Protein backbone atom coordinates (compact mmCIF):
# COMPACT_ATOMS: atom_id res chain seq x y z
CA MET A 1 102.66 64.34 281.62
CA GLU A 2 98.43 64.56 280.82
CA GLU A 3 97.97 64.59 277.27
CA ILE A 4 94.93 65.51 275.18
CA ARG A 5 93.68 65.13 271.51
CA ALA A 6 91.77 68.00 270.53
CA LYS A 7 88.18 67.04 268.73
CA SER A 8 86.92 70.11 266.88
CA TRP A 9 87.63 73.99 266.54
CA ALA A 10 85.38 74.50 269.79
CA ASP A 11 87.35 71.58 271.58
CA LEU A 12 90.63 73.12 271.00
CA GLN A 13 89.60 76.03 272.16
CA GLU A 14 88.55 75.09 275.02
CA ARG A 15 91.70 73.38 275.84
CA LEU A 16 93.76 76.03 275.23
CA TYR A 17 92.37 78.57 277.44
CA ASP A 18 91.22 76.17 280.30
CA ARG A 19 92.88 76.64 283.73
CA SER A 20 93.41 80.62 282.46
CA TRP A 21 91.73 82.21 285.64
CA TYR A 22 94.40 83.84 287.60
CA GLN A 23 92.35 84.44 291.45
CA PRO A 24 95.74 86.40 292.77
CA HIS A 25 94.93 89.08 289.91
CA GLY A 26 90.96 88.19 289.37
CA ARG A 27 91.72 88.02 286.08
CA PHE A 28 91.62 85.68 283.39
CA ARG A 29 95.99 85.53 282.92
CA ALA A 30 96.82 82.08 281.88
CA PRO A 31 99.81 80.93 283.88
CA PHE A 32 101.05 79.01 280.82
CA ALA A 33 103.65 79.06 277.90
CA PHE A 34 102.76 77.88 275.17
CA ARG A 35 104.81 76.23 272.07
CA GLY A 36 103.13 74.76 268.84
CA VAL A 37 105.05 72.49 266.47
CA ALA A 38 103.85 71.00 263.02
CA ASN A 39 104.66 66.98 264.15
CA GLN A 40 103.58 66.42 267.52
CA ALA A 41 106.39 63.19 267.24
CA PHE A 42 109.06 65.84 267.70
CA PRO A 43 110.31 66.69 271.10
CA PRO A 44 111.38 70.25 272.15
CA ARG A 45 114.49 70.12 271.48
CA THR A 46 116.93 73.25 271.84
CA SER A 47 119.12 74.33 268.65
CA LEU A 48 122.17 73.81 270.37
CA CYS A 49 121.07 69.71 271.55
CA ARG A 50 120.00 69.25 267.58
CA LEU A 51 123.69 70.11 266.69
CA GLY A 52 124.79 66.44 267.99
CA GLY A 53 127.89 65.28 268.94
CA ARG A 54 129.50 66.52 271.99
CA TYR A 55 127.20 69.87 271.45
CA PRO A 56 127.42 71.08 275.12
CA SER A 57 131.05 71.69 274.70
CA LEU A 58 130.24 73.81 271.60
CA GLU A 59 127.73 76.72 273.58
CA ASP A 60 130.91 78.58 274.84
CA PRO A 61 132.25 79.02 271.24
CA LEU A 62 129.60 79.99 269.71
CA LEU A 63 128.38 82.48 271.88
CA ARG A 64 131.70 83.82 271.91
CA ASN A 65 131.78 84.15 268.17
CA PHE A 66 128.71 85.46 268.33
CA ARG A 67 129.32 88.32 270.46
CA LYS A 68 132.74 89.30 268.82
CA TYR A 69 131.59 89.31 265.04
CA ALA A 70 127.90 90.97 265.68
CA ALA A 71 127.54 94.80 266.25
CA SER A 72 127.53 95.67 269.82
CA SER A 73 124.29 97.84 268.37
CA GLU A 74 122.21 94.59 268.63
CA VAL A 75 122.12 94.63 272.36
CA PRO A 76 120.58 97.22 274.83
CA ARG A 77 122.93 96.28 277.40
CA ASP A 78 126.09 94.01 277.28
CA SER A 79 125.08 91.10 279.13
CA ILE A 80 125.28 87.18 278.88
CA TRP A 81 121.58 87.39 278.74
CA ASN A 82 121.07 90.02 276.10
CA TRP A 83 123.44 88.71 274.22
CA LEU A 84 121.72 84.69 274.67
CA ALA A 85 118.15 86.50 273.34
CA VAL A 86 119.53 88.38 270.07
CA ALA A 87 121.56 84.78 269.49
CA GLN A 88 118.50 82.93 269.99
CA HIS A 89 116.38 85.12 267.75
CA HIS A 90 118.52 85.34 265.12
CA GLY A 91 119.14 81.45 264.23
CA LEU A 92 122.43 80.97 266.49
CA PRO A 93 122.22 77.33 268.14
CA THR A 94 121.44 78.14 271.97
CA ARG A 95 120.01 76.39 274.98
CA LEU A 96 117.26 78.39 274.91
CA LEU A 97 113.41 77.26 273.93
CA ASP A 98 110.92 79.67 272.32
CA TRP A 99 107.51 80.02 273.98
CA THR A 100 104.75 82.23 273.50
CA TYR A 101 101.64 83.82 275.69
CA SER A 102 99.22 83.50 273.12
CA PRO A 103 97.82 80.27 271.87
CA ASN A 104 96.91 81.35 268.86
CA VAL A 105 100.35 82.30 268.07
CA ALA A 106 101.41 78.85 269.34
CA LEU A 107 98.72 77.78 266.99
CA HIS A 108 100.19 79.39 264.14
CA PHE A 109 103.29 77.84 264.51
CA ALA A 110 101.96 74.36 264.25
CA THR A 111 100.08 75.09 261.31
CA GLU A 112 102.30 77.69 258.87
CA ASN A 113 103.32 74.75 256.23
CA PHE A 114 100.78 72.78 254.18
CA ASP A 115 103.64 70.10 254.07
CA ASP A 116 102.98 68.98 257.53
CA PHE A 117 99.48 68.90 257.30
CA GLY A 118 99.51 65.25 256.79
CA VAL A 119 100.63 64.33 260.13
CA ASP A 120 99.25 65.32 263.86
CA GLY A 121 100.53 68.73 265.49
CA VAL A 122 100.94 69.38 269.22
CA ILE A 123 100.47 72.70 271.78
CA TRP A 124 103.25 72.16 274.53
CA ALA A 125 101.45 73.97 277.64
CA ILE A 126 103.74 74.41 280.62
CA ASP A 127 102.80 76.37 284.13
CA PHE A 128 105.51 78.72 284.07
CA ILE A 129 104.58 80.19 287.76
CA THR A 130 104.42 76.60 289.04
CA CYS A 131 107.78 75.98 287.50
CA ARG A 132 109.09 78.57 289.99
CA LYS A 133 108.76 75.91 293.37
CA HIS A 134 111.41 74.19 291.56
CA LEU A 135 113.94 76.92 291.31
CA PRO A 136 116.63 77.97 294.01
CA ALA A 137 116.21 80.14 296.49
CA GLY A 138 118.44 82.50 295.12
CA LEU A 139 116.37 82.52 292.42
CA LYS A 140 112.91 82.75 294.06
CA GLN A 141 114.57 85.71 296.26
CA ILE A 142 115.30 87.69 293.15
CA LEU A 143 111.97 87.32 291.66
CA ASP A 144 110.17 88.05 295.13
CA ARG A 145 112.02 91.25 295.29
CA GLU A 146 110.77 92.29 292.25
CA GLY A 147 107.17 91.00 292.16
CA ALA A 148 107.49 89.20 289.41
CA LEU A 149 106.23 85.88 287.68
CA LEU A 150 109.15 86.00 284.95
CA PHE A 151 112.84 87.20 285.14
CA THR A 152 113.89 89.54 282.74
CA ALA A 153 117.96 89.70 281.48
CA GLU A 154 118.49 92.53 284.43
CA MET A 155 117.08 90.34 286.44
CA LEU A 156 119.26 86.92 285.74
CA GLY A 157 122.32 89.01 285.64
CA LYS A 158 122.05 89.84 289.65
CA TYR A 159 122.18 86.06 290.33
CA ALA A 160 125.11 85.28 287.70
CA GLY A 161 127.26 86.90 285.19
CA THR A 162 127.95 83.70 282.68
CA LEU A 163 125.97 80.54 282.06
CA GLU A 164 128.51 78.67 283.65
CA GLU A 165 128.02 80.47 286.78
CA PHE A 166 124.49 80.11 286.50
CA ASP A 167 124.94 75.79 286.41
CA ARG A 168 127.14 75.79 288.81
CA LYS A 169 125.25 77.73 291.36
CA VAL A 170 121.98 76.47 290.71
CA ALA A 171 123.55 72.65 291.47
CA GLN A 172 124.96 74.10 294.33
CA GLU A 173 121.80 74.56 295.69
CA GLY A 174 120.40 71.78 294.77
CA ASP A 175 118.50 69.96 291.59
CA HIS A 176 118.55 71.27 288.20
CA CYS A 177 115.68 73.81 287.42
CA VAL A 178 114.09 75.81 284.37
CA ALA A 179 113.88 79.36 284.22
CA PHE A 180 111.41 81.54 282.18
CA PHE A 181 112.46 84.77 280.68
CA GLU A 182 111.31 87.65 278.86
CA PRO A 183 113.40 88.93 276.40
CA PRO A 184 114.16 92.34 275.76
CA SER A 185 111.90 94.44 272.86
CA LEU A 186 114.87 93.73 269.72
CA ASP A 187 111.70 94.29 266.95
CA GLU A 188 108.39 94.15 266.32
CA ARG A 189 108.85 90.18 265.83
CA ILE A 190 109.30 89.64 269.36
CA VAL A 191 106.65 91.88 270.47
CA ASN A 192 103.49 90.31 268.11
CA GLN A 193 104.71 86.74 268.80
CA ALA A 194 104.09 87.71 272.09
CA ALA A 195 107.73 85.57 272.53
CA LEU A 196 109.30 84.18 275.79
CA PHE A 197 112.46 82.08 276.68
CA SER A 198 113.32 78.81 278.54
CA PHE A 199 116.40 77.27 279.67
CA VAL A 200 117.48 74.37 282.10
CA SER A 201 120.32 74.62 284.43
CA ASN A 202 122.53 72.11 282.30
CA PRO A 203 122.57 72.03 278.16
CA THR A 204 122.84 68.28 278.55
CA VAL A 205 118.87 68.16 280.26
CA GLN A 206 116.06 68.98 277.71
CA ILE A 207 112.96 70.81 278.99
CA ASP A 208 110.92 67.39 278.19
CA GLU A 209 112.98 65.34 279.99
CA TRP A 210 112.99 67.52 283.10
CA LEU A 211 108.90 67.36 283.34
CA GLU A 212 109.05 63.88 283.13
CA ARG A 213 110.51 63.94 286.43
CA GLN A 214 108.04 67.04 287.93
CA GLU A 215 104.80 66.37 289.51
CA ALA A 216 101.35 65.99 287.31
CA GLY A 217 99.39 68.93 286.15
CA LEU A 218 102.83 70.82 285.63
CA ALA A 219 102.38 70.98 281.69
CA ARG A 220 100.15 69.16 279.25
CA ARG A 221 100.09 67.98 275.47
CA ILE A 222 97.67 69.29 272.96
CA ILE A 223 97.28 67.13 270.30
CA ILE A 224 96.19 68.77 267.12
CA PRO A 225 94.62 66.04 264.95
CA ALA A 226 96.00 66.26 260.71
CA SER A 227 92.30 66.56 260.06
CA LEU A 228 91.82 69.71 261.46
CA LYS A 229 94.45 72.08 260.54
CA TRP A 230 92.53 73.45 257.50
CA GLU A 231 90.04 74.58 259.71
CA ILE A 232 92.73 76.08 262.11
CA ARG A 233 94.76 77.38 259.36
CA ASP A 234 91.62 79.10 257.92
CA LYS A 235 90.51 80.69 261.15
CA LEU A 236 93.53 81.71 262.10
CA ASP A 237 94.13 84.03 258.96
CA MET A 238 90.26 85.12 259.92
CA ALA A 239 91.51 86.21 263.02
CA ASN A 240 94.79 88.41 261.68
CA ILE A 241 97.37 85.29 262.98
CA THR A 242 99.56 85.43 259.46
CA GLU A 243 102.70 85.36 258.66
CA ARG A 244 102.48 89.05 258.23
CA VAL A 245 101.50 89.81 261.46
CA ILE A 246 103.98 87.07 263.16
CA TYR A 247 107.25 88.39 260.53
CA PRO A 248 106.89 91.76 260.22
CA GLY A 249 108.04 92.91 256.84
CA ILE A 250 108.45 92.31 253.19
CA ASP A 251 109.43 88.57 253.93
CA GLY A 252 106.51 88.23 256.06
CA LEU A 253 103.99 89.08 253.57
CA SER A 254 105.57 87.16 251.04
CA ARG A 255 105.05 84.22 252.90
CA TRP A 256 101.56 85.06 253.81
CA LEU A 257 100.91 85.87 250.11
CA HIS A 258 102.74 82.37 249.10
CA ARG A 259 100.90 80.35 251.47
CA TYR A 260 97.14 82.20 251.25
CA TYR A 261 97.18 81.55 247.39
CA SER A 262 98.59 78.66 247.50
CA PRO A 263 95.60 75.84 245.97
CA ASN A 264 95.33 74.75 249.18
CA HIS A 265 92.07 73.06 248.29
CA LYS A 266 93.07 70.29 246.71
CA ILE A 267 94.15 67.16 248.42
CA GLU A 268 95.82 63.97 246.71
CA ILE A 269 94.13 60.55 247.75
CA GLY A 270 95.62 57.59 246.39
CA ASN A 271 96.84 59.06 243.08
CA GLN A 272 94.12 60.88 242.42
CA ILE A 273 93.52 64.85 243.53
CA TRP A 274 90.15 65.63 245.29
CA GLU A 275 88.79 68.77 246.10
CA ILE A 276 87.77 69.87 249.64
CA GLN A 277 84.07 70.44 249.81
CA GLU A 278 83.59 71.01 253.71
CA MET A 279 85.00 69.99 256.71
CA HIS A 280 83.83 69.51 260.54
CA ASP A 281 85.20 68.66 263.75
CA GLY A 282 87.78 67.14 262.08
CA ARG A 283 86.25 65.38 258.96
CA ILE A 284 86.84 66.79 255.59
CA VAL A 285 84.14 65.50 253.02
CA VAL A 286 85.77 65.69 249.77
CA GLU A 287 85.17 64.89 245.97
CA LEU A 288 86.28 63.72 242.38
CA ALA A 289 83.96 63.49 239.47
CA GLY A 290 81.07 63.52 241.23
CA GLU A 291 81.81 61.00 244.16
CA ARG A 292 81.61 61.92 247.50
CA ARG A 293 83.89 60.73 250.53
CA GLU A 294 84.69 61.59 253.89
CA ILE A 295 88.16 61.47 255.61
CA THR A 296 89.91 61.89 258.43
CA SER A 297 92.77 61.19 260.55
CA HIS A 298 93.21 58.92 263.23
CA ALA A 299 95.15 58.88 266.37
CA ASP A 300 97.98 56.44 265.18
CA GLY A 301 98.55 58.31 262.47
CA GLN A 302 96.63 56.52 259.56
CA TRP A 303 94.46 58.46 257.34
CA TRP A 304 90.54 56.47 256.89
CA ASP A 305 87.84 57.17 254.23
CA LEU A 306 85.16 57.14 256.67
CA THR A 307 82.31 56.49 253.46
CA ASN A 308 84.40 52.74 252.45
CA ASP A 309 85.75 52.10 255.82
CA GLN A 310 89.56 51.53 254.83
CA PRO A 311 92.83 52.99 255.58
CA ILE A 312 94.00 55.50 252.81
CA LEU A 313 96.98 57.69 251.89
CA VAL A 314 96.94 60.56 251.57
CA ARG A 315 99.18 63.97 250.60
CA PRO A 316 97.87 67.19 251.94
CA ARG A 317 100.04 68.98 249.04
CA PRO A 318 99.24 67.11 245.49
CA ARG A 319 102.74 66.72 243.89
CA GLN A 320 101.42 68.85 241.05
CA TYR A 321 102.09 71.46 243.59
CA GLU A 322 105.13 70.75 244.58
């Protein structure tokens, strides 16, 4: 899988919007789904997988009990695919993985927590159109008949009424596949996040494991240097990509105001608290008692004092503010 380390805000934008021209539509319509993660070392594991143990055997009882106890008005139509979307949206462990059409929404998720500013983040980008050629014939026919690039819950329901049936039919036609589908517009949060979901036709297989077996160019990882996160976060705020928009309502508003008014211009180096003076291309100028230093983060995760040419220990959120 291709891996790119962004050098600056401008370079990051170029990387995110690279290959976004889509000739069949004659428009800039990127064929990529994006997923932002605060720590690049974290693999894209589903919430079901993160339960651990014999998690595949828990999929059916989790969903069965969710459907039993949730109000039927929560789903626009009684189908397993709509119930899966609602369950994922409300935090139930499922085999679904969250993605977005928006590179900037993905950047928000990679930079929304200052406590993660000490480590590199990552944006996963996967070509969901190219993923179609790995689908079994039955699923391809549904997309072709609808003239669609992605599945809806209703389209998946035409192929299989349950996850067990879906997995079995895919296995009969060939190898595992990854399918992308757009959830119904359950609320403003799904709409504002430009959300879509992926899932593998086997709960024991994770999407990064599936991608390792596919051709080059299907997906890429864009690494966000830790020292670039401050600039990204502030520029996203300027573009109105904030918790207030991503999580509409009082909770999102409170989260945004809490972060926005936090003293994020301070940084702890060693046991001293320095004040950030300026930033450029992933380099940060800090000052303490008239002394200035320039620091940055390296690809190995090590923070570096460029002024004195030595490694340093950095805490993006000083202890006094925790």
